[in-house]
Amino acid sequence: MDLGLTGKVALVTGGGRGIGAAIAEALAREGCEVALVDLGDCAAAAEACRRHGRRALAIEADVCDWNGAEKVVARVAQELGRLDALVCCAGITRDNVSWKMTEEDFDRVLAVNLKGTFTYARAAGKLFKEQKSGRIVAIASINGLRGKFGQANYAAAKAGDIAIAKTLAKELGRYGVTVNVVAPGLVETEMTRKLPAEAFQAAVAETLLGRPASPADVADAVVFLCSERARHVTGEVLKVDGGQYV
């Protein structure tokens, strides 16, 4: 199936590892040139994209940097020739029950997971508005829909990402721009492998399919929303959770 992505350019925040790296590579596999933004080194993830015969730009940047987001978007458009899709995947966790959570842990999670989404969606949205086309996909979580014990900061940030996406869908729809959300459940990544075994297995037990998602499961949903096949889909929250939310 041709997804209409050949020759398009996508920017993925949090693209250095885990879900973000899988999304970047999946987009490259479908024909996109890709820019990856990460606070850490994303050279290996960029090289994985290049193995599909596509250009890949690795950029080290803090997604919380308001002015930096505009500079990165401008750089990608200049160096890769255009920008067609943005995927906001940068995220961290600093879990604790509310009465033990520190102000620093609360603020940092909201900064990366919520402000980091808005800074890039705002910067790319301005460009997409001008060119009257574009795709924005935010990676949230089912915990932004239902809450989660020990994750007041993370759940609040992900709920905020959903609200941002729905708001931008209303603001940018008239300009031919779609804005959607992918909300994963438990995904087997380096981050979740650090969870206590009991907590991990409890989350697996919640799923109807009896297994955690792989990063590729999430990436495939994102690729669809970035494609021409999803041209009339906007303001939606697509759960990729194996039935965990149910």
C-alpha atoms as a PDB file:
ATOM      1  CA  MET A   1       0.000   0.000   0.000  1.00  0.00           C
ATOM      2  CA  ASP A   2       1.422   3.360  -1.028  1.00  0.00           C
ATOM      3  CA  LEU A   3       1.149   5.763   1.914  1.00  0.00           C
ATOM      4  CA  GLY A   4       2.197   8.783  -0.112  1.00  0.00           C
ATOM      5  CA  LEU A   5       5.231   9.480   2.059  1.00  0.00           C
ATOM      6  CA  THR A   6       8.009   9.159  -0.519  1.00  0.00           C
ATOM      7  CA  GLY A   7       9.980  12.396  -0.662  1.00  0.00           C
ATOM      8  CA  LYS A   8       8.271  13.864   2.408  1.00  0.00           C
ATOM      9  CA  VAL A   9      10.243  15.200   5.377  1.00  0.00           C
ATOM     10  CA  ALA A  10       9.406  14.357   8.989  1.00  0.00           C
ATOM     11  CA  LEU A  11      10.791  15.713  12.252  1.00  0.00           C
ATOM     12  CA  VAL A  12      10.697  13.421  15.295  1.00  0.00           C
ATOM     13  CA  THR A  13      11.453  14.722  18.782  1.00  0.00           C
ATOM     14  CA  GLY A  14      12.792  12.179  21.234  1.00  0.00           C
ATOM     15  CA  GLY A  15      14.103  10.344  18.190  1.00  0.00           C
ATOM     16  CA  GLY A  16      17.302   9.029  19.725  1.00  0.00           C
ATOM     17  CA  ARG A  17      15.948   5.833  21.218  1.00  0.00           C
ATOM     18  CA  GLY A  18      12.910   3.764  22.099  1.00  0.00           C
ATOM     19  CA  ILE A  19       9.599   4.701  20.535  1.00  0.00           C
ATOM     20  CA  GLY A  20      10.992   7.835  18.886  1.00  0.00           C
ATOM     21  CA  ALA A  21      13.789   5.935  17.135  1.00  0.00           C
ATOM     22  CA  ALA A  22      11.293   3.302  15.945  1.00  0.00           C
ATOM     23  CA  ILE A  23       9.010   6.026  14.565  1.00  0.00           C
ATOM     24  CA  ALA A  24      11.864   7.722  12.724  1.00  0.00           C
ATOM     25  CA  GLU A  25      13.008   4.463  11.149  1.00  0.00           C
ATOM     26  CA  ALA A  26       9.458   3.469  10.184  1.00  0.00           C
ATOM     27  CA  LEU A  27       8.972   6.820   8.455  1.00  0.00           C
ATOM     28  CA  ALA A  28      12.281   6.387   6.622  1.00  0.00           C
ATOM     29  CA  ARG A  29      11.245   2.895   5.550  1.00  0.00           C
ATOM     30  CA  GLU A  30       8.113   4.390   3.992  1.00  0.00           C
ATOM     31  CA  GLY A  31      10.091   6.977   2.036  1.00  0.00           C
ATOM     32  CA  CYS A  32      10.521   9.973   4.354  1.00  0.00           C
ATOM     33  CA  GLU A  33      13.650  11.989   4.872  1.00  0.00           C
ATOM     34  CA  VAL A  34      13.904  12.326   8.648  1.00  0.00           C
ATOM     35  CA  ALA A  35      15.245  14.778  11.224  1.00  0.00           C
ATOM     36  CA  LEU A  36      15.710  13.449  14.749  1.00  0.00           C
ATOM     37  CA  VAL A  37      15.873  15.697  17.795  1.00  0.00           C
ATOM     38  CA  ASP A  38      17.063  14.443  21.156  1.00  0.00           C
ATOM     39  CA  LEU A  39      18.742  15.816  24.257  1.00  0.00           C
ATOM     40  CA  GLY A  40      21.221  12.956  23.946  1.00  0.00           C
ATOM     41  CA  ASP A  41      23.080  11.449  21.015  1.00  0.00           C
ATOM     42  CA  CYS A  42      20.784  10.321  18.213  1.00  0.00           C
ATOM     43  CA  ALA A  43      23.492   9.470  15.663  1.00  0.00           C
ATOM     44  CA  ALA A  44      22.804   5.711  15.813  1.00  0.00           C
ATOM     45  CA  ALA A  45      19.075   6.205  15.245  1.00  0.00           C
ATOM     46  CA  ALA A  46      19.805   8.537  12.322  1.00  0.00           C
ATOM     47  CA  GLU A  47      22.124   5.941  10.807  1.00  0.00           C
ATOM     48  CA  ALA A  48      19.361   3.332  11.030  1.00  0.00           C
ATOM     49  CA  CYS A  49      17.192   5.673   8.947  1.00  0.00           C
ATOM     50  CA  ARG A  50      19.956   6.142   6.378  1.00  0.00           C
ATOM     51  CA  ARG A  51      20.143   2.396   5.853  1.00  0.00           C
ATOM     52  CA  HIS A  52      16.750   2.711   4.153  1.00  0.00           C
ATOM     53  CA  GLY A  53      18.317   5.031   1.593  1.00  0.00           C
ATOM     54  CA  ARG A  54      16.960   8.235   3.113  1.00  0.00           C
ATOM     55  CA  ARG A  55      18.659  11.334   4.411  1.00  0.00           C
ATOM     56  CA  ALA A  56      18.609  11.706   8.177  1.00  0.00           C
ATOM     57  CA  LEU A  57      19.589  14.724  10.222  1.00  0.00           C
ATOM     58  CA  ALA A  58      20.587  14.213  13.884  1.00  0.00           C
ATOM     59  CA  ILE A  59      20.088  17.280  16.071  1.00  0.00           C
ATOM     60  CA  GLU A  60      20.963  17.529  19.756  1.00  0.00           C
ATOM     61  CA  ALA A  61      18.529  19.946  21.418  1.00  0.00           C
ATOM     62  CA  ASP A  62      16.372  20.438  24.511  1.00  0.00           C
ATOM     63  CA  VAL A  63      12.718  20.327  23.476  1.00  0.00           C
ATOM     64  CA  CYS A  64      11.896  22.758  26.298  1.00  0.00           C
ATOM     65  CA  ASP A  65      13.815  25.531  24.524  1.00  0.00           C
ATOM     66  CA  TRP A  66      11.059  27.809  23.159  1.00  0.00           C
ATOM     67  CA  ASN A  67      13.196  29.751  20.699  1.00  0.00           C
ATOM     68  CA  GLY A  68      15.334  26.711  19.960  1.00  0.00           C
ATOM     69  CA  ALA A  69      12.300  24.859  18.584  1.00  0.00           C
ATOM     70  CA  GLU A  70      11.770  27.518  15.931  1.00  0.00           C
ATOM     71  CA  LYS A  71      15.447  27.373  14.999  1.00  0.00           C
ATOM     72  CA  VAL A  72      15.354  23.589  14.661  1.00  0.00           C
ATOM     73  CA  VAL A  73      12.225  23.668  12.492  1.00  0.00           C
ATOM     74  CA  ALA A  74      13.802  26.313  10.258  1.00  0.00           C
ATOM     75  CA  ARG A  75      17.037  24.319  10.032  1.00  0.00           C
ATOM     76  CA  VAL A  76      15.231  21.127   9.039  1.00  0.00           C
ATOM     77  CA  ALA A  77      13.199  22.906   6.369  1.00  0.00           C
ATOM     78  CA  GLN A  78      16.362  24.498   4.982  1.00  0.00           C
ATOM     79  CA  GLU A  79      18.687  21.486   5.090  1.00  0.00           C
ATOM     80  CA  LEU A  80      16.169  18.856   3.989  1.00  0.00           C
ATOM     81  CA  GLY A  81      14.269  21.178   1.681  1.00  0.00           C
ATOM     82  CA  ARG A  82      10.845  21.071   3.302  1.00  0.00           C
ATOM     83  CA  LEU A  83       8.894  19.846   6.335  1.00  0.00           C
ATOM     84  CA  ASP A  84       5.686  17.845   6.072  1.00  0.00           C
ATOM     85  CA  ALA A  85       5.214  16.078   9.391  1.00  0.00           C
ATOM     86  CA  LEU A  86       6.084  16.527  13.054  1.00  0.00           C
ATOM     87  CA  VAL A  87       5.988  13.761  15.643  1.00  0.00           C
ATOM     88  CA  CYS A  88       6.331  14.915  19.263  1.00  0.00           C
ATOM     89  CA  CYS A  89       7.693  11.909  21.134  1.00  0.00           C
ATOM     90  CA  ALA A  90      10.170  13.352  23.640  1.00  0.00           C
ATOM     91  CA  GLY A  91       9.255  12.266  27.143  1.00  0.00           C
ATOM     92  CA  ILE A  92      10.563  11.269  30.562  1.00  0.00           C
ATOM     93  CA  THR A  93       9.169   9.781  33.763  1.00  0.00           C
ATOM     94  CA  ARG A  94       9.961  10.606  37.371  1.00  0.00           C
ATOM     95  CA  ASP A  95       7.382   8.571  39.223  1.00  0.00           C
ATOM     96  CA  ASN A  96       6.356   8.846  42.846  1.00  0.00           C
ATOM     97  CA  VAL A  97       3.207   9.012  44.900  1.00  0.00           C
ATOM     98  CA  SER A  98       1.907  12.540  45.256  1.00  0.00           C
ATOM     99  CA  TRP A  99       2.960  13.003  48.887  1.00  0.00           C
ATOM    100  CA  LYS A 100       6.560  12.092  48.043  1.00  0.00           C
ATOM    101  CA  MET A 101       6.882  13.826  44.672  1.00  0.00           C
ATOM    102  CA  THR A 102       9.333  16.719  44.596  1.00  0.00           C
ATOM    103  CA  GLU A 103       8.716  20.038  42.918  1.00  0.00           C
ATOM    104  CA  GLU A 104      11.717  19.408  40.677  1.00  0.00           C
ATOM    105  CA  ASP A 105      10.334  16.069  39.473  1.00  0.00           C
ATOM    106  CA  PHE A 106       6.902  17.558  38.855  1.00  0.00           C
ATOM    107  CA  ASP A 107       8.259  20.543  36.943  1.00  0.00           C
ATOM    108  CA  ARG A 108      10.758  18.606  34.832  1.00  0.00           C
ATOM    109  CA  VAL A 109       8.234  16.030  33.628  1.00  0.00           C
ATOM    110  CA  LEU A 110       5.760  18.726  32.648  1.00  0.00           C
ATOM    111  CA  ALA A 111       8.510  20.723  30.964  1.00  0.00           C
ATOM    112  CA  VAL A 112       9.684  17.862  28.746  1.00  0.00           C
ATOM    113  CA  ASN A 113       6.404  16.039  28.138  1.00  0.00           C
ATOM    114  CA  LEU A 114       4.026  18.996  27.868  1.00  0.00           C
ATOM    115  CA  LYS A 115       5.978  22.149  27.082  1.00  0.00           C
ATOM    116  CA  GLY A 116       8.261  20.121  24.807  1.00  0.00           C
ATOM    117  CA  THR A 117       5.264  19.062  22.746  1.00  0.00           C
ATOM    118  CA  PHE A 118       3.877  22.576  22.515  1.00  0.00           C
ATOM    119  CA  THR A 119       7.161  24.291  21.583  1.00  0.00           C
ATOM    120  CA  TYR A 120       7.606  22.071  18.529  1.00  0.00           C
ATOM    121  CA  ALA A 121       3.922  21.880  17.583  1.00  0.00           C
ATOM    122  CA  ARG A 122       3.780  25.669  17.738  1.00  0.00           C
ATOM    123  CA  ALA A 123       6.915  26.118  15.620  1.00  0.00           C
ATOM    124  CA  ALA A 124       5.975  23.523  13.009  1.00  0.00           C
ATOM    125  CA  GLY A 125       2.337  24.635  13.041  1.00  0.00           C
ATOM    126  CA  LYS A 126       3.346  28.129  11.949  1.00  0.00           C
ATOM    127  CA  LEU A 127       5.167  26.672   8.947  1.00  0.00           C
ATOM    128  CA  PHE A 128       2.343  24.263   8.139  1.00  0.00           C
ATOM    129  CA  LYS A 129      -0.178  27.110   8.310  1.00  0.00           C
ATOM    130  CA  GLU A 130       1.820  29.081   5.754  1.00  0.00           C
ATOM    131  CA  GLN A 131       2.200  26.152   3.364  1.00  0.00           C
ATOM    132  CA  LYS A 132      -1.385  24.999   3.973  1.00  0.00           C
ATOM    133  CA  SER A 133      -0.440  21.393   4.641  1.00  0.00           C
ATOM    134  CA  GLY A 134       1.155  19.292   7.338  1.00  0.00           C
ATOM    135  CA  ARG A 135       0.755  16.519   9.865  1.00  0.00           C
ATOM    136  CA  ILE A 136       1.313  16.760  13.618  1.00  0.00           C
ATOM    137  CA  VAL A 137       1.208  13.657  15.825  1.00  0.00           C
ATOM    138  CA  ALA A 138       1.695  13.835  19.591  1.00  0.00           C
ATOM    139  CA  ILE A 139       2.655  10.735  21.543  1.00  0.00           C
ATOM    140  CA  ALA A 140       0.601  10.752  24.746  1.00  0.00           C
ATOM    141  CA  SER A 141      -0.396   7.767  26.910  1.00  0.00           C
ATOM    142  CA  ILE A 142      -3.505   5.986  28.067  1.00  0.00           C
ATOM    143  CA  ASN A 143      -2.492   7.256  31.505  1.00  0.00           C
ATOM    144  CA  GLY A 144      -3.312  10.740  30.269  1.00  0.00           C
ATOM    145  CA  LEU A 145      -6.867   9.471  29.801  1.00  0.00           C
ATOM    146  CA  ARG A 146      -7.271   7.495  33.013  1.00  0.00           C
ATOM    147  CA  GLY A 147      -4.609   8.645  35.501  1.00  0.00           C
ATOM    148  CA  LYS A 148      -2.062   6.313  37.062  1.00  0.00           C
ATOM    149  CA  PHE A 149      -0.928   5.603  40.601  1.00  0.00           C
ATOM    150  CA  GLY A 150       2.425   7.307  41.185  1.00  0.00           C
ATOM    151  CA  GLN A 151       2.299   9.315  37.955  1.00  0.00           C
ATOM    152  CA  ALA A 152       0.485  12.562  38.760  1.00  0.00           C
ATOM    153  CA  ASN A 153       3.129  14.530  36.839  1.00  0.00           C
ATOM    154  CA  TYR A 154       3.292  12.191  33.829  1.00  0.00           C
ATOM    155  CA  ALA A 155      -0.481  11.657  33.567  1.00  0.00           C
ATOM    156  CA  ALA A 156      -1.111  15.412  33.809  1.00  0.00           C
ATOM    157  CA  ALA A 157       1.438  16.117  31.079  1.00  0.00           C
ATOM    158  CA  LYS A 158      -0.003  13.489  28.751  1.00  0.00           C
ATOM    159  CA  ALA A 159      -3.547  14.721  29.360  1.00  0.00           C
ATOM    160  CA  GLY A 160      -2.248  18.167  28.472  1.00  0.00           C
ATOM    161  CA  ASP A 161      -0.728  16.840  25.247  1.00  0.00           C
ATOM    162  CA  ILE A 162      -4.144  15.539  24.243  1.00  0.00           C
ATOM    163  CA  ALA A 163      -5.713  18.939  25.002  1.00  0.00           C
ATOM    164  CA  ILE A 164      -3.010  20.732  23.015  1.00  0.00           C
ATOM    165  CA  ALA A 165      -3.529  18.437  20.035  1.00  0.00           C
ATOM    166  CA  LYS A 166      -7.301  18.904  20.023  1.00  0.00           C
ATOM    167  CA  THR A 167      -6.871  22.670  20.300  1.00  0.00           C
ATOM    168  CA  LEU A 168      -4.354  22.812  17.455  1.00  0.00           C
ATOM    169  CA  ALA A 169      -6.602  20.582  15.346  1.00  0.00           C
ATOM    170  CA  LYS A 170      -9.298  23.246  15.685  1.00  0.00           C
ATOM    171  CA  GLU A 171      -6.891  26.106  14.981  1.00  0.00           C
ATOM    172  CA  LEU A 172      -5.071  24.571  12.011  1.00  0.00           C
ATOM    173  CA  GLY A 173      -7.734  22.474  10.307  1.00  0.00           C
ATOM    174  CA  ARG A 174      -8.823  25.291   8.004  1.00  0.00           C
ATOM    175  CA  TYR A 175      -5.250  25.398   6.672  1.00  0.00           C
ATOM    176  CA  GLY A 176      -5.188  21.741   5.677  1.00  0.00           C
ATOM    177  CA  VAL A 177      -3.189  20.632   8.731  1.00  0.00           C
ATOM    178  CA  THR A 178      -4.152  17.532  10.708  1.00  0.00           C
ATOM    179  CA  VAL A 179      -3.285  17.089  14.390  1.00  0.00           C
ATOM    180  CA  ASN A 180      -3.722  13.751  16.126  1.00  0.00           C
ATOM    181  CA  VAL A 181      -2.586  11.779  19.169  1.00  0.00           C
ATOM    182  CA  VAL A 182      -1.295   8.253  19.613  1.00  0.00           C
ATOM    183  CA  ALA A 183      -1.821   7.027  23.174  1.00  0.00           C
ATOM    184  CA  PRO A 184       0.181   3.869  23.899  1.00  0.00           C
ATOM    185  CA  GLY A 185      -0.271   1.618  26.872  1.00  0.00           C
ATOM    186  CA  LEU A 186       2.668  -0.390  28.184  1.00  0.00           C
ATOM    187  CA  VAL A 187       5.470  -0.412  25.611  1.00  0.00           C
ATOM    188  CA  GLU A 188       8.553  -2.564  26.076  1.00  0.00           C
ATOM    189  CA  THR A 189      11.429  -0.075  25.986  1.00  0.00           C
ATOM    190  CA  GLU A 190      14.602   0.642  27.908  1.00  0.00           C
ATOM    191  CA  MET A 191      12.567   2.921  30.172  1.00  0.00           C
ATOM    192  CA  THR A 192       9.836   0.404  31.035  1.00  0.00           C
ATOM    193  CA  ARG A 193      12.317  -2.427  31.506  1.00  0.00           C
ATOM    194  CA  LYS A 194      13.481  -0.550  34.603  1.00  0.00           C
ATOM    195  CA  LEU A 195      10.057  -0.985  36.214  1.00  0.00           C
ATOM    196  CA  PRO A 196       9.754  -3.457  39.097  1.00  0.00           C
ATOM    197  CA  ALA A 197       8.872  -6.882  37.700  1.00  0.00           C
ATOM    198  CA  GLU A 198       5.537  -6.929  39.575  1.00  0.00           C
ATOM    199  CA  ALA A 199       4.487  -3.577  38.123  1.00  0.00           C
ATOM    200  CA  PHE A 200       5.457  -4.628  34.601  1.00  0.00           C
ATOM    201  CA  GLN A 201       3.551  -7.896  34.831  1.00  0.00           C
ATOM    202  CA  ALA A 202       0.517  -6.159  36.332  1.00  0.00           C
ATOM    203  CA  ALA A 203       0.402  -3.851  33.304  1.00  0.00           C
ATOM    204  CA  VAL A 204       0.733  -6.814  30.943  1.00  0.00           C
ATOM    205  CA  ALA A 205      -2.134  -8.522  32.763  1.00  0.00           C
ATOM    206  CA  GLU A 206      -4.362  -5.499  32.036  1.00  0.00           C
ATOM    207  CA  THR A 207      -4.002  -5.948  28.272  1.00  0.00           C
ATOM    208  CA  LEU A 208      -6.505  -7.992  26.326  1.00  0.00           C
ATOM    209  CA  LEU A 209      -3.783  -9.240  23.973  1.00  0.00           C
ATOM    210  CA  GLY A 210      -1.597 -10.417  26.834  1.00  0.00           C
ATOM    211  CA  ARG A 211       1.625  -8.653  25.856  1.00  0.00           C
ATOM    212  CA  PRO A 212       3.193  -5.205  25.934  1.00  0.00           C
ATOM    213  CA  ALA A 213       3.412  -3.217  22.727  1.00  0.00           C
ATOM    214  CA  SER A 214       6.679  -3.052  20.852  1.00  0.00           C
ATOM    215  CA  PRO A 215       7.964   0.340  19.683  1.00  0.00           C
ATOM    216  CA  ALA A 216       7.137  -0.823  16.145  1.00  0.00           C
ATOM    217  CA  ASP A 217       3.466  -1.255  17.099  1.00  0.00           C
ATOM    218  CA  VAL A 218       3.331   2.425  18.031  1.00  0.00           C
ATOM    219  CA  ALA A 219       5.421   3.499  15.044  1.00  0.00           C
ATOM    220  CA  ASP A 220       3.063   1.877  12.545  1.00  0.00           C
ATOM    221  CA  ALA A 221       0.113   3.852  13.928  1.00  0.00           C
ATOM    222  CA  VAL A 222       2.105   7.085  13.715  1.00  0.00           C
ATOM    223  CA  VAL A 223       3.139   6.391  10.121  1.00  0.00           C
ATOM    224  CA  PHE A 224      -0.522   5.971   9.182  1.00  0.00           C
ATOM    225  CA  LEU A 225      -1.473   9.306  10.764  1.00  0.00           C
ATOM    226  CA  CYS A 226       1.387  11.022   8.921  1.00  0.00           C
ATOM    227  CA  SER A 227       0.309   9.522   5.606  1.00  0.00           C
ATOM    228  CA  GLU A 228      -2.101  10.543   2.883  1.00  0.00           C
ATOM    229  CA  ARG A 229      -4.335   7.657   3.999  1.00  0.00           C
ATOM    230  CA  ALA A 230      -5.194   9.694   7.113  1.00  0.00           C
ATOM    231  CA  ARG A 231      -5.871  12.936   5.255  1.00  0.00           C
ATOM    232  CA  HIS A 232      -9.385  13.270   6.733  1.00  0.00           C
ATOM    233  CA  VAL A 233      -8.490  12.271  10.304  1.00  0.00           C
ATOM    234  CA  THR A 234      -7.854  15.046  12.805  1.00  0.00           C
ATOM    235  CA  GLY A 235      -8.421  15.735  16.497  1.00  0.00           C
ATOM    236  CA  GLU A 236      -8.396  11.999  17.235  1.00  0.00           C
ATOM    237  CA  VAL A 237      -6.779   9.980  20.023  1.00  0.00           C
ATOM    238  CA  LEU A 238      -5.716   6.548  18.773  1.00  0.00           C
ATOM    239  CA  LYS A 239      -5.016   4.119  21.613  1.00  0.00           C
ATOM    240  CA  VAL A 240      -2.299   1.566  20.824  1.00  0.00           C
ATOM    241  CA  ASP A 241      -2.480  -0.452  24.006  1.00  0.00           C
ATOM    242  CA  GLY A 242      -3.537  -4.013  23.221  1.00  0.00           C
ATOM    243  CA  GLY A 243      -6.831  -3.314  24.978  1.00  0.00           C
ATOM    244  CA  GLN A 244      -5.193  -2.180  28.226  1.00  0.00           C
ATOM    245  CA  TYR A 245      -7.492   0.838  28.612  1.00  0.00           C
ATOM    246  CA  VAL A 246     -10.640  -1.271  28.237  1.00  0.00           C
END
